[in-house]
C-alpha atoms as a PDB file:
ATOM      1  CA  UNK A   1       0.000   0.000   0.000  1.00  0.00           C
ATOM      2  CA  UNK A   2       1.364   3.387  -1.000  1.00  0.00           C
ATOM      3  CA  UNK A   3       1.770   6.244   1.436  1.00  0.00           C
ATOM      4  CA  UNK A   4      -0.027   9.182  -0.217  1.00  0.00           C
ATOM      5  CA  UNK A   5       1.100  12.781   0.115  1.00  0.00           C
ATOM      6  CA  UNK A   6      -1.858  15.156  -0.188  1.00  0.00           C
ATOM      7  CA  UNK A   7      -1.493  18.228  -2.408  1.00  0.00           C
ATOM      8  CA  UNK A   8      -4.698  20.243  -2.181  1.00  0.00           C
ATOM      9  CA  UNK A   9      -4.574  22.931  -4.863  1.00  0.00           C
ATOM     10  CA  UNK A  10      -8.304  23.527  -5.198  1.00  0.00           C
ATOM     11  CA  UNK A  11      -9.199  27.127  -6.038  1.00  0.00           C
ATOM     12  CA  UNK A  12      -5.586  28.273  -6.416  1.00  0.00           C
ATOM     13  CA  UNK A  13      -4.736  30.299  -9.501  1.00  0.00           C
ATOM     14  CA  UNK A  14      -2.163  29.121 -12.066  1.00  0.00           C
ATOM     15  CA  UNK A  15       0.714  28.499 -11.898  1.00  0.00           C
ATOM     16  CA  UNK A  16       0.481  27.679  -8.176  1.00  0.00           C
ATOM     17  CA  UNK A  17      -1.230  24.249  -8.533  1.00  0.00           C
ATOM     18  CA  UNK A  18       1.438  23.076 -10.992  1.00  0.00           C
ATOM     19  CA  UNK A  19       4.231  24.468  -8.809  1.00  0.00           C
ATOM     20  CA  UNK A  20       2.857  22.711  -5.729  1.00  0.00           C
ATOM     21  CA  UNK A  21       2.527  19.319  -7.367  1.00  0.00           C
ATOM     22  CA  UNK A  22       5.977  19.533  -8.993  1.00  0.00           C
ATOM     23  CA  UNK A  23       7.537  20.477  -5.642  1.00  0.00           C
ATOM     24  CA  UNK A  24       5.790  17.517  -4.031  1.00  0.00           C
ATOM     25  CA  UNK A  25       7.151  15.215  -6.750  1.00  0.00           C
ATOM     26  CA  UNK A  26      10.677  16.458  -6.026  1.00  0.00           C
ATOM     27  CA  UNK A  27      10.213  15.581  -2.349  1.00  0.00           C
ATOM     28  CA  UNK A  28       8.715  12.096  -2.862  1.00  0.00           C
ATOM     29  CA  UNK A  29      10.401   9.194  -1.128  1.00  0.00           C
ATOM     30  CA  UNK A  30      10.376   5.595  -2.335  1.00  0.00           C
ATOM     31  CA  UNK A  31       6.963   4.025  -1.811  1.00  0.00           C
ATOM     32  CA  UNK A  32       5.143   7.349  -1.720  1.00  0.00           C
ATOM     33  CA  UNK A  33       2.552   8.632  -4.173  1.00  0.00           C
ATOM     34  CA  UNK A  34       0.696  11.927  -4.517  1.00  0.00           C
ATOM     35  CA  UNK A  35      -3.020  12.571  -4.142  1.00  0.00           C
ATOM     36  CA  UNK A  36      -3.522  15.867  -6.012  1.00  0.00           C
ATOM     37  CA  UNK A  37      -6.827  17.720  -5.636  1.00  0.00           C
ATOM     38  CA  UNK A  38      -7.710  20.510  -8.052  1.00  0.00           C
ATOM     39  CA  UNK A  39     -10.876  22.271  -9.194  1.00  0.00           C
ATOM     40  CA  UNK A  40     -10.224  21.840 -12.925  1.00  0.00           C
ATOM     41  CA  UNK A  41      -8.677  19.001 -14.872  1.00  0.00           C
ATOM     42  CA  UNK A  42      -4.913  19.641 -15.029  1.00  0.00           C
ATOM     43  CA  UNK A  43      -4.396  18.703 -18.684  1.00  0.00           C
ATOM     44  CA  UNK A  44      -0.931  20.353 -18.996  1.00  0.00           C
ATOM     45  CA  UNK A  45       0.296  18.236 -16.073  1.00  0.00           C
ATOM     46  CA  UNK A  46      -0.261  14.909 -17.828  1.00  0.00           C
ATOM     47  CA  UNK A  47       2.453  15.320 -20.469  1.00  0.00           C
ATOM     48  CA  UNK A  48       4.931  16.587 -17.889  1.00  0.00           C
ATOM     49  CA  UNK A  49       4.253  13.555 -15.688  1.00  0.00           C
ATOM     50  CA  UNK A  50       4.779  11.186 -18.605  1.00  0.00           C
ATOM     51  CA  UNK A  51       8.089  12.843 -19.526  1.00  0.00           C
ATOM     52  CA  UNK A  52       9.282  12.669 -15.910  1.00  0.00           C
ATOM     53  CA  UNK A  53       8.471   8.962 -15.580  1.00  0.00           C
ATOM     54  CA  UNK A  54       5.279   9.143 -13.540  1.00  0.00           C
ATOM     55  CA  UNK A  55       1.922   7.555 -14.180  1.00  0.00           C
ATOM     56  CA  UNK A  56      -1.407   8.950 -13.059  1.00  0.00           C
ATOM     57  CA  UNK A  57      -5.078   8.203 -12.767  1.00  0.00           C
ATOM     58  CA  UNK A  58      -7.711  10.927 -12.648  1.00  0.00           C
ATOM     59  CA  UNK A  59     -11.165  10.783 -11.111  1.00  0.00           C
ATOM     60  CA  UNK A  60     -13.843  13.442 -11.044  1.00  0.00           C
ATOM     61  CA  UNK A  61     -15.195  13.932  -7.540  1.00  0.00           C
ATOM     62  CA  UNK A  62     -18.841  14.489  -6.599  1.00  0.00           C
ATOM     63  CA  UNK A  63     -18.172  18.195  -5.990  1.00  0.00           C
ATOM     64  CA  UNK A  64     -16.864  18.622  -9.576  1.00  0.00           C
ATOM     65  CA  UNK A  65     -13.197  18.789  -8.553  1.00  0.00           C
ATOM     66  CA  UNK A  66     -10.585  16.302  -9.734  1.00  0.00           C
ATOM     67  CA  UNK A  67      -8.404  13.859  -7.826  1.00  0.00           C
ATOM     68  CA  UNK A  68      -5.196  12.833  -9.563  1.00  0.00           C
ATOM     69  CA  UNK A  69      -3.185   9.954  -8.115  1.00  0.00           C
ATOM     70  CA  UNK A  70       0.456  10.147  -9.183  1.00  0.00           C
ATOM     71  CA  UNK A  71       3.180   7.555  -8.686  1.00  0.00           C
ATOM     72  CA  UNK A  72       6.503   6.633 -10.235  1.00  0.00           C
ATOM     73  CA  UNK A  73       6.489   4.153 -13.084  1.00  0.00           C
ATOM     74  CA  UNK A  74       7.856   0.760 -12.143  1.00  0.00           C
ATOM     75  CA  UNK A  75      10.825  -0.516 -14.088  1.00  0.00           C
ATOM     76  CA  UNK A  76       8.533  -2.816 -16.058  1.00  0.00           C
ATOM     77  CA  UNK A  77       6.379   0.216 -16.989  1.00  0.00           C
ATOM     78  CA  UNK A  78       3.399  -1.094 -15.067  1.00  0.00           C
END
């Protein structure tokens, strides 16, 4: 089970949500993942995550916000 670091960037103006999640990625330790909350879908983040070797899943929450789970790719790419 992964230890999730919460990054709550709901209602912050750009570029602060992106800055917060990138800073959290820099501070991740092995076995940790990020739970990123934001009020709009962070489409520009997805390509950056892919290039940096992270995978993500995105879910829309009942309140209309988005939850993005981010973790490092395993060596097998899974």
